[in-house]
Amino acid sequence: MATQIVMDRTGDTRHTFDANNLAAVAKAERRFMELTGAGFTAATRTGPGEQRVIRSFDPTAEETLFYPRLVGG
């Protein structure tokens, strides 16, 4: 199972999908496009405490983390 983790001000929401299920992959890709289109940054975990920013949907990623745009003051 692959997991998409969406961070926001209330914590996180996890969405899992089976990478072998075409309908589930399509839904996960739509979620990726919606979130990145809304300004979220997407990253995959590359190791303990390490991430790599991604710009396109990767259905083979075990975990994709989405975090909102930082707002400074």
Foldseek 3Di string as FASTA:
>chain_A
DAWEWEQDPVGIDIDDDDLVDPVRLVVVQVVVCVLVVVAWWKWAAPDVVDIDTDDHDDSPGRYIYTYHDDDDD
